[in-house]
Amino acid sequence: MIRKKFSSYTEYISNFSKLVHLERKAQMETHLKEIMSISGKERERRGRAILNLKAKYLGVGLGGMHLVRYSREVMPETEISVGDVVLISRGKPTGKEVQGTVYEKTNRYITVAFSEKPPPYALKKGVRLDLFSNEITFKRMEEALKKLKDHPLLEFILGKKC
C-alpha cells in the first residue's frame, strides 16, 4: 500500500478539507436529483420529505437564528433529524428555495432555524420540508481534522514516520 506523505499539517488539512467539501456537495446533488425525479408523496413515504405542514414563526432564538415550527395533525416517520439541512418549499422544490437547519424535532413538530427571516411562503400552510444534507456529519469531520494538530501520532499520520 502506497501512502501519500504530507509536508505539513496545513497541507494535510487542506487536502482533506477539500475532500469533505466534495462529499458535502455530492450529497446535496444526490438529494436534489432525487427531489427532482420522484414525487413528494414518494419522498415522504421514504422518510425524506414532509408535506402539508403549517408554519408558526417563533421569533429570534439563540445566536440570532430565526425559528419556525412546522407541524401537522399527524407527523410521518422521517429520516429528517436535528442538524439536517432541509429545503423549504410550497410545491415541487427546484433547489433554489430557502434552506434551514433542523433545530428541534418531536413527534408533533419540527423546528427549523434560519440565519435570516425566512420568506413569506415558508411561513404559511401547505409547506414542504425536504431532507437536503446532514451538516452534523460534515462538521464532525472538519472538527476531527482540526484536532489532529495536537495528536501524538501526527508525524505518523502525515507519513513522516512509519
N, C-alpha and C. Protein backbone atom coordinates (compact mmCIF):
# COMPACT_ATOMS: atom_id res chain seq x y z
N MET A 1 0.83 -1.18 0.00
CA MET A 1 0.00 0.00 0.00
C MET A 1 0.88 1.25 0.00
N ILE A 2 0.64 2.14 -0.93
CA ILE A 2 1.41 3.37 -1.02
C ILE A 2 0.65 4.45 -0.26
N ARG A 3 1.36 5.10 0.65
CA ARG A 3 0.76 6.19 1.42
C ARG A 3 1.34 7.50 0.95
N LYS A 4 0.47 8.48 0.80
CA LYS A 4 0.95 9.81 0.44
C LYS A 4 1.59 10.44 1.66
N LYS A 5 2.71 11.11 1.44
CA LYS A 5 3.36 11.85 2.52
C LYS A 5 2.97 13.30 2.38
N PHE A 6 2.68 13.91 3.49
CA PHE A 6 2.33 15.33 3.52
C PHE A 6 3.47 16.09 4.17
N SER A 7 3.80 17.23 3.62
CA SER A 7 4.93 18.01 4.15
C SER A 7 4.57 18.73 5.45
N SER A 8 3.27 18.97 5.66
CA SER A 8 2.88 19.70 6.87
C SER A 8 1.43 19.38 7.24
N TYR A 9 1.11 19.74 8.44
CA TYR A 9 -0.27 19.64 8.93
C TYR A 9 -1.19 20.46 8.04
N THR A 10 -0.74 21.66 7.65
CA THR A 10 -1.55 22.55 6.81
C THR A 10 -1.87 21.89 5.47
N GLU A 11 -0.89 21.24 4.86
CA GLU A 11 -1.12 20.55 3.59
C GLU A 11 -2.13 19.41 3.77
N TYR A 12 -1.98 18.67 4.87
CA TYR A 12 -2.88 17.55 5.17
C TYR A 12 -4.32 18.06 5.33
N ILE A 13 -4.48 19.11 6.14
CA ILE A 13 -5.81 19.68 6.39
C ILE A 13 -6.41 20.21 5.09
N SER A 14 -5.63 20.90 4.31
CA SER A 14 -6.11 21.45 3.03
C SER A 14 -6.62 20.32 2.13
N ASN A 15 -5.85 19.25 2.03
CA ASN A 15 -6.21 18.11 1.19
C ASN A 15 -7.54 17.50 1.65
N PHE A 16 -7.65 17.19 2.93
CA PHE A 16 -8.84 16.51 3.40
C PHE A 16 -10.05 17.45 3.55
N SER A 17 -9.81 18.73 3.78
CA SER A 17 -10.93 19.69 3.80
C SER A 17 -11.59 19.76 2.43
N LYS A 18 -10.76 19.72 1.37
CA LYS A 18 -11.32 19.71 0.01
C LYS A 18 -12.18 18.47 -0.22
N LEU A 19 -11.71 17.33 0.30
CA LEU A 19 -12.47 16.09 0.14
C LEU A 19 -13.80 16.14 0.90
N VAL A 20 -13.79 16.71 2.10
CA VAL A 20 -15.03 16.86 2.87
C VAL A 20 -16.00 17.76 2.10
N HIS A 21 -15.47 18.85 1.55
CA HIS A 21 -16.30 19.77 0.76
C HIS A 21 -16.92 19.05 -0.44
N LEU A 22 -16.12 18.24 -1.14
CA LEU A 22 -16.63 17.50 -2.30
C LEU A 22 -17.70 16.49 -1.89
N GLU A 23 -17.50 15.83 -0.76
CA GLU A 23 -18.50 14.87 -0.30
C GLU A 23 -19.81 15.57 0.08
N ARG A 24 -19.71 16.72 0.75
CA ARG A 24 -20.90 17.51 1.10
C ARG A 24 -21.66 17.91 -0.17
N LYS A 25 -20.92 18.40 -1.16
CA LYS A 25 -21.53 18.82 -2.43
C LYS A 25 -22.20 17.64 -3.13
N ALA A 26 -21.54 16.48 -3.14
CA ALA A 26 -22.11 15.29 -3.78
C ALA A 26 -23.39 14.85 -3.07
N GLN A 27 -23.40 14.92 -1.74
CA GLN A 27 -24.61 14.54 -1.01
C GLN A 27 -25.76 15.48 -1.35
N MET A 28 -25.50 16.76 -1.43
CA MET A 28 -26.56 17.73 -1.78
C MET A 28 -27.07 17.47 -3.20
N GLU A 29 -26.16 17.19 -4.12
CA GLU A 29 -26.56 16.91 -5.51
C GLU A 29 -27.40 15.64 -5.58
N THR A 30 -27.05 14.63 -4.80
CA THR A 30 -27.82 13.38 -4.77
C THR A 30 -29.24 13.63 -4.28
N HIS A 31 -29.36 14.39 -3.20
CA HIS A 31 -30.70 14.71 -2.67
C HIS A 31 -31.50 15.53 -3.68
N LEU A 32 -30.86 16.52 -4.29
CA LEU A 32 -31.56 17.36 -5.25
C LEU A 32 -32.03 16.54 -6.45
N LYS A 33 -31.20 15.63 -6.91
CA LYS A 33 -31.58 14.77 -8.04
C LYS A 33 -32.81 13.94 -7.67
N GLU A 34 -32.82 13.40 -6.46
CA GLU A 34 -33.98 12.62 -6.03
C GLU A 34 -35.22 13.50 -5.89
N ILE A 35 -35.05 14.70 -5.34
CA ILE A 35 -36.17 15.64 -5.19
C ILE A 35 -36.80 15.92 -6.55
N MET A 36 -35.95 16.08 -7.58
CA MET A 36 -36.45 16.42 -8.91
C MET A 36 -37.06 15.24 -9.64
N SER A 37 -36.65 14.02 -9.27
CA SER A 37 -37.07 12.87 -10.07
C SER A 37 -38.24 12.07 -9.50
N ILE A 38 -38.55 12.22 -8.22
CA ILE A 38 -39.69 11.47 -7.68
C ILE A 38 -40.67 12.41 -7.00
N SER A 39 -41.87 11.95 -6.81
CA SER A 39 -42.93 12.78 -6.25
C SER A 39 -42.70 13.07 -4.78
N GLY A 40 -43.33 14.14 -4.32
CA GLY A 40 -43.26 14.48 -2.90
C GLY A 40 -43.83 13.38 -2.03
N LYS A 41 -44.92 12.78 -2.48
CA LYS A 41 -45.54 11.70 -1.70
C LYS A 41 -44.59 10.51 -1.56
N GLU A 42 -43.85 10.20 -2.63
CA GLU A 42 -42.91 9.09 -2.56
C GLU A 42 -41.74 9.44 -1.64
N ARG A 43 -41.26 10.68 -1.72
CA ARG A 43 -40.18 11.09 -0.81
C ARG A 43 -40.65 11.06 0.64
N GLU A 44 -41.89 11.45 0.85
CA GLU A 44 -42.43 11.38 2.22
C GLU A 44 -42.52 9.92 2.67
N ARG A 45 -42.96 9.03 1.78
CA ARG A 45 -43.04 7.61 2.11
C ARG A 45 -41.66 7.05 2.46
N ARG A 46 -40.62 7.55 1.79
CA ARG A 46 -39.25 7.11 2.05
C ARG A 46 -38.64 7.78 3.28
N GLY A 47 -39.36 8.76 3.84
CA GLY A 47 -38.87 9.44 5.05
C GLY A 47 -37.97 10.62 4.78
N ARG A 48 -37.94 11.12 3.54
CA ARG A 48 -37.03 12.21 3.20
C ARG A 48 -37.74 13.52 2.87
N ALA A 49 -39.04 13.58 3.16
CA ALA A 49 -39.80 14.82 2.99
C ALA A 49 -41.00 14.77 3.93
N ILE A 50 -41.51 15.94 4.24
CA ILE A 50 -42.77 16.04 4.99
C ILE A 50 -43.60 17.08 4.28
N LEU A 51 -44.80 16.69 3.89
CA LEU A 51 -45.69 17.55 3.11
C LEU A 51 -46.79 18.17 3.98
N ASN A 52 -47.41 19.21 3.43
CA ASN A 52 -48.60 19.83 4.02
C ASN A 52 -48.43 20.27 5.47
N LEU A 53 -47.36 20.97 5.72
CA LEU A 53 -47.08 21.46 7.06
C LEU A 53 -47.63 22.88 7.26
N LYS A 54 -47.92 23.18 8.50
CA LYS A 54 -48.35 24.52 8.89
C LYS A 54 -47.20 25.16 9.66
N ALA A 55 -46.87 26.40 9.31
CA ALA A 55 -45.74 27.08 9.92
C ALA A 55 -46.19 28.05 11.01
N LYS A 56 -45.34 28.17 12.03
CA LYS A 56 -45.55 29.16 13.08
C LYS A 56 -44.20 29.80 13.37
N TYR A 57 -44.10 31.10 13.09
CA TYR A 57 -42.85 31.82 13.34
C TYR A 57 -42.70 32.02 14.84
N LEU A 58 -41.57 31.57 15.41
CA LEU A 58 -41.34 31.66 16.84
C LEU A 58 -40.50 32.87 17.25
N GLY A 59 -39.88 33.52 16.28
CA GLY A 59 -39.04 34.68 16.58
C GLY A 59 -37.57 34.33 16.49
N VAL A 60 -36.76 35.20 17.08
CA VAL A 60 -35.31 35.04 17.04
C VAL A 60 -34.86 34.31 18.30
N GLY A 61 -34.06 33.26 18.10
CA GLY A 61 -33.56 32.47 19.21
C GLY A 61 -32.09 32.73 19.46
N LEU A 62 -31.44 31.78 20.13
CA LEU A 62 -30.02 31.89 20.43
C LEU A 62 -29.20 32.08 19.16
N GLY A 63 -28.21 32.92 19.25
CA GLY A 63 -27.33 33.15 18.11
C GLY A 63 -27.98 33.96 17.00
N GLY A 64 -29.13 34.56 17.27
CA GLY A 64 -29.80 35.37 16.27
C GLY A 64 -30.50 34.59 15.17
N MET A 65 -30.68 33.28 15.39
CA MET A 65 -31.34 32.44 14.39
C MET A 65 -32.86 32.64 14.46
N HIS A 66 -33.49 32.70 13.30
CA HIS A 66 -34.95 32.80 13.22
C HIS A 66 -35.52 31.40 13.28
N LEU A 67 -36.46 31.18 14.19
CA LEU A 67 -37.01 29.84 14.40
C LEU A 67 -38.44 29.75 13.90
N VAL A 68 -38.71 28.67 13.16
CA VAL A 68 -40.07 28.41 12.66
C VAL A 68 -40.42 26.97 13.02
N ARG A 69 -41.59 26.81 13.61
CA ARG A 69 -42.07 25.47 13.98
C ARG A 69 -43.05 25.00 12.91
N TYR A 70 -42.78 23.82 12.36
CA TYR A 70 -43.64 23.22 11.34
C TYR A 70 -44.35 22.02 11.94
N SER A 71 -45.66 21.95 11.69
CA SER A 71 -46.44 20.85 12.26
C SER A 71 -47.59 20.49 11.34
N ARG A 72 -48.15 19.33 11.62
CA ARG A 72 -49.41 18.93 11.00
C ARG A 72 -50.05 17.93 11.96
N GLU A 73 -51.30 17.61 11.72
CA GLU A 73 -52.03 16.77 12.67
C GLU A 73 -51.31 15.46 12.97
N VAL A 74 -50.87 14.76 11.94
CA VAL A 74 -50.12 13.52 12.14
C VAL A 74 -48.79 13.64 11.40
N MET A 75 -47.71 13.63 12.17
CA MET A 75 -46.38 13.71 11.56
C MET A 75 -45.95 12.31 11.12
N PRO A 76 -45.43 12.17 9.92
CA PRO A 76 -45.00 10.86 9.43
C PRO A 76 -43.64 10.45 10.02
N GLU A 77 -43.32 9.18 9.89
CA GLU A 77 -41.97 8.71 10.21
C GLU A 77 -41.03 9.37 9.21
N THR A 78 -39.86 9.80 9.67
CA THR A 78 -38.95 10.50 8.78
C THR A 78 -37.50 10.30 9.16
N GLU A 79 -36.62 10.37 8.17
CA GLU A 79 -35.18 10.36 8.39
C GLU A 79 -34.69 11.72 8.85
N ILE A 80 -35.47 12.75 8.64
CA ILE A 80 -35.07 14.11 8.96
C ILE A 80 -34.84 14.21 10.46
N SER A 81 -33.66 14.72 10.84
CA SER A 81 -33.35 14.81 12.26
C SER A 81 -32.60 16.10 12.58
N VAL A 82 -32.40 16.35 13.85
CA VAL A 82 -31.70 17.56 14.30
C VAL A 82 -30.33 17.62 13.63
N GLY A 83 -30.03 18.81 13.09
CA GLY A 83 -28.76 19.02 12.41
C GLY A 83 -28.85 18.90 10.90
N ASP A 84 -29.93 18.32 10.40
CA ASP A 84 -30.08 18.17 8.96
C ASP A 84 -30.43 19.51 8.32
N VAL A 85 -29.92 19.72 7.12
CA VAL A 85 -30.31 20.86 6.30
C VAL A 85 -31.53 20.43 5.50
N VAL A 86 -32.56 21.29 5.50
CA VAL A 86 -33.79 21.00 4.76
C VAL A 86 -34.10 22.15 3.81
N LEU A 87 -34.72 21.80 2.69
CA LEU A 87 -35.25 22.79 1.75
C LEU A 87 -36.69 23.05 2.15
N ILE A 88 -37.07 24.31 2.14
CA ILE A 88 -38.43 24.69 2.49
C ILE A 88 -39.10 25.17 1.21
N SER A 89 -40.25 24.56 0.87
CA SER A 89 -40.92 24.97 -0.35
C SER A 89 -42.44 24.83 -0.19
N ARG A 90 -43.12 25.28 -1.20
CA ARG A 90 -44.55 25.03 -1.35
C ARG A 90 -44.68 24.46 -2.75
N GLY A 91 -44.97 23.18 -2.84
CA GLY A 91 -45.00 22.53 -4.14
C GLY A 91 -43.67 21.86 -4.43
N LYS A 92 -43.39 21.64 -5.70
CA LYS A 92 -42.18 20.93 -6.12
C LYS A 92 -40.96 21.83 -5.97
N PRO A 93 -39.98 21.44 -5.16
CA PRO A 93 -38.78 22.27 -4.99
C PRO A 93 -37.91 22.27 -6.25
N THR A 94 -37.15 23.35 -6.39
CA THR A 94 -36.22 23.48 -7.51
C THR A 94 -34.77 23.43 -7.05
N GLY A 95 -34.56 23.55 -5.74
CA GLY A 95 -33.20 23.61 -5.19
C GLY A 95 -32.77 25.02 -4.88
N LYS A 96 -33.55 26.00 -5.33
CA LYS A 96 -33.23 27.40 -5.09
C LYS A 96 -33.98 27.97 -3.88
N GLU A 97 -34.78 27.13 -3.24
CA GLU A 97 -35.57 27.57 -2.10
C GLU A 97 -34.68 27.85 -0.89
N VAL A 98 -35.27 28.50 0.09
CA VAL A 98 -34.56 28.79 1.32
C VAL A 98 -34.23 27.47 2.04
N GLN A 99 -33.06 27.46 2.66
CA GLN A 99 -32.62 26.29 3.42
C GLN A 99 -32.57 26.67 4.89
N GLY A 100 -32.85 25.70 5.72
CA GLY A 100 -32.73 25.88 7.16
C GLY A 100 -32.15 24.63 7.77
N THR A 101 -31.82 24.72 9.04
CA THR A 101 -31.26 23.59 9.77
C THR A 101 -32.25 23.15 10.84
N VAL A 102 -32.52 21.85 10.90
CA VAL A 102 -33.44 21.33 11.90
C VAL A 102 -32.83 21.57 13.28
N TYR A 103 -33.57 22.31 14.09
CA TYR A 103 -33.12 22.74 15.41
C TYR A 103 -33.69 21.84 16.50
N GLU A 104 -34.92 21.39 16.30
CA GLU A 104 -35.60 20.55 17.29
C GLU A 104 -36.60 19.67 16.55
N LYS A 105 -36.79 18.46 17.06
CA LYS A 105 -37.75 17.55 16.45
C LYS A 105 -38.45 16.77 17.55
N THR A 106 -39.78 16.74 17.47
CA THR A 106 -40.57 15.90 18.36
C THR A 106 -41.52 15.08 17.48
N ASN A 107 -42.37 14.29 18.10
CA ASN A 107 -43.34 13.52 17.29
C ASN A 107 -44.51 14.39 16.84
N ARG A 108 -44.53 15.66 17.22
CA ARG A 108 -45.62 16.56 16.84
C ARG A 108 -45.19 17.72 15.94
N TYR A 109 -43.89 18.05 15.95
CA TYR A 109 -43.44 19.17 15.14
C TYR A 109 -41.93 19.10 14.89
N ILE A 110 -41.50 19.93 13.94
CA ILE A 110 -40.08 20.12 13.65
C ILE A 110 -39.82 21.62 13.64
N THR A 111 -38.83 22.05 14.41
CA THR A 111 -38.45 23.46 14.43
C THR A 111 -37.19 23.62 13.59
N VAL A 112 -37.24 24.60 12.68
CA VAL A 112 -36.14 24.85 11.76
C VAL A 112 -35.56 26.23 12.06
N ALA A 113 -34.22 26.32 12.07
CA ALA A 113 -33.51 27.57 12.29
C ALA A 113 -33.00 28.12 10.96
N PHE A 114 -33.18 29.43 10.80
CA PHE A 114 -32.74 30.14 9.59
C PHE A 114 -31.81 31.27 10.00
N SER A 115 -30.80 31.54 9.20
CA SER A 115 -29.88 32.63 9.52
C SER A 115 -30.53 34.00 9.29
N GLU A 116 -31.50 34.05 8.39
CA GLU A 116 -32.26 35.29 8.14
C GLU A 116 -33.74 34.94 8.22
N LYS A 117 -34.58 35.96 8.41
CA LYS A 117 -36.02 35.68 8.47
C LYS A 117 -36.44 35.04 7.15
N PRO A 118 -37.11 33.88 7.24
CA PRO A 118 -37.50 33.18 6.00
C PRO A 118 -38.53 33.96 5.20
N PRO A 119 -38.59 33.69 3.90
CA PRO A 119 -39.55 34.38 3.04
C PRO A 119 -40.99 34.01 3.41
N PRO A 120 -41.95 34.84 3.01
CA PRO A 120 -43.35 34.61 3.39
C PRO A 120 -43.88 33.21 3.04
N TYR A 121 -43.48 32.64 1.90
CA TYR A 121 -44.00 31.31 1.54
C TYR A 121 -43.64 30.25 2.58
N ALA A 122 -42.54 30.45 3.31
CA ALA A 122 -42.09 29.46 4.30
C ALA A 122 -42.82 29.62 5.63
N LEU A 123 -43.71 30.61 5.70
CA LEU A 123 -44.41 30.90 6.96
C LEU A 123 -45.92 30.70 6.83
N LYS A 124 -46.34 29.87 5.89
CA LYS A 124 -47.76 29.66 5.62
C LYS A 124 -48.15 28.21 5.82
N LYS A 125 -49.35 27.88 5.37
CA LYS A 125 -49.81 26.49 5.34
C LYS A 125 -49.37 25.86 4.03
N GLY A 126 -49.35 24.53 3.98
CA GLY A 126 -49.01 23.83 2.76
C GLY A 126 -47.52 23.81 2.47
N VAL A 127 -46.70 23.93 3.51
CA VAL A 127 -45.25 23.96 3.36
C VAL A 127 -44.71 22.53 3.29
N ARG A 128 -43.65 22.39 2.54
CA ARG A 128 -42.99 21.10 2.36
C ARG A 128 -41.54 21.22 2.83
N LEU A 129 -41.08 20.24 3.61
CA LEU A 129 -39.67 20.14 4.02
C LEU A 129 -39.06 18.96 3.30
N ASP A 130 -37.91 19.16 2.69
CA ASP A 130 -37.18 18.07 2.04
C ASP A 130 -35.80 17.96 2.66
N LEU A 131 -35.42 16.74 3.04
CA LEU A 131 -34.08 16.47 3.53
C LEU A 131 -33.09 16.85 2.44
N PHE A 132 -32.08 17.63 2.80
CA PHE A 132 -31.11 18.08 1.81
C PHE A 132 -29.71 17.62 2.16
N SER A 133 -29.31 17.72 3.40
CA SER A 133 -27.96 17.32 3.78
C SER A 133 -27.88 17.23 5.29
N ASN A 134 -26.98 16.40 5.78
CA ASN A 134 -26.75 16.32 7.22
C ASN A 134 -25.45 17.03 7.53
N GLU A 135 -25.55 18.25 8.00
CA GLU A 135 -24.38 19.07 8.26
C GLU A 135 -23.58 18.58 9.47
N ILE A 136 -24.23 17.91 10.40
CA ILE A 136 -23.52 17.45 11.60
C ILE A 136 -22.37 16.53 11.22
N THR A 137 -22.61 15.62 10.30
CA THR A 137 -21.57 14.70 9.86
C THR A 137 -20.36 15.46 9.33
N PHE A 138 -20.60 16.46 8.50
CA PHE A 138 -19.51 17.21 7.89
C PHE A 138 -18.80 18.10 8.92
N LYS A 139 -19.55 18.67 9.83
CA LYS A 139 -18.94 19.49 10.88
C LYS A 139 -18.06 18.62 11.79
N ARG A 140 -18.49 17.40 12.06
CA ARG A 140 -17.67 16.49 12.87
C ARG A 140 -16.38 16.14 12.15
N MET A 141 -16.46 15.91 10.83
CA MET A 141 -15.26 15.63 10.06
C MET A 141 -14.30 16.80 10.12
N GLU A 142 -14.82 18.02 9.96
CA GLU A 142 -13.97 19.21 9.99
C GLU A 142 -13.35 19.41 11.37
N GLU A 143 -14.13 19.17 12.42
CA GLU A 143 -13.60 19.28 13.79
C GLU A 143 -12.50 18.25 14.03
N ALA A 144 -12.71 17.03 13.55
CA ALA A 144 -11.70 15.98 13.72
C ALA A 144 -10.40 16.39 13.03
N LEU A 145 -10.49 17.00 11.85
CA LEU A 145 -9.28 17.46 11.16
C LEU A 145 -8.55 18.52 11.99
N LYS A 146 -9.30 19.43 12.60
CA LYS A 146 -8.68 20.48 13.42
C LYS A 146 -7.98 19.88 14.64
N LYS A 147 -8.57 18.85 15.22
CA LYS A 147 -8.00 18.25 16.43
C LYS A 147 -6.71 17.48 16.15
N LEU A 148 -6.47 17.14 14.91
CA LEU A 148 -5.26 16.40 14.56
C LEU A 148 -3.98 17.18 14.86
N LYS A 149 -4.08 18.49 14.89
CA LYS A 149 -2.89 19.33 15.07
C LYS A 149 -2.11 18.93 16.32
N ASP A 150 -2.81 18.55 17.37
CA ASP A 150 -2.14 18.21 18.63
C ASP A 150 -2.11 16.70 18.88
N HIS A 151 -2.41 15.91 17.87
CA HIS A 151 -2.46 14.46 18.05
C HIS A 151 -1.04 13.90 18.20
N PRO A 152 -0.83 12.99 19.15
CA PRO A 152 0.52 12.44 19.35
C PRO A 152 1.04 11.64 18.16
N LEU A 153 0.17 11.18 17.30
CA LEU A 153 0.60 10.40 16.14
C LEU A 153 0.62 11.23 14.84
N LEU A 154 0.66 12.55 14.99
CA LEU A 154 0.59 13.42 13.81
C LEU A 154 1.69 13.10 12.79
N GLU A 155 2.91 12.88 13.24
CA GLU A 155 4.01 12.60 12.31
C GLU A 155 3.74 11.31 11.52
N PHE A 156 3.16 10.33 12.17
CA PHE A 156 2.79 9.07 11.51
C PHE A 156 1.67 9.32 10.50
N ILE A 157 0.65 10.09 10.92
CA ILE A 157 -0.49 10.40 10.06
C ILE A 157 -0.02 11.13 8.79
N LEU A 158 0.92 12.03 8.96
CA LEU A 158 1.43 12.79 7.81
C LEU A 158 2.32 11.95 6.90
N GLY A 159 2.70 10.74 7.37
CA GLY A 159 3.53 9.87 6.57
C GLY A 159 5.01 10.11 6.75
N LYS A 160 5.37 10.89 7.77
CA LYS A 160 6.78 11.20 8.02
C LYS A 160 7.47 10.11 8.82
N LYS A 161 6.69 9.33 9.57
CA LYS A 161 7.25 8.22 10.36
C LYS A 161 6.45 6.96 10.06
N CYS A 162 7.08 5.83 10.18
CA CYS A 162 6.40 4.55 9.94
C CYS A 162 6.18 3.81 11.23
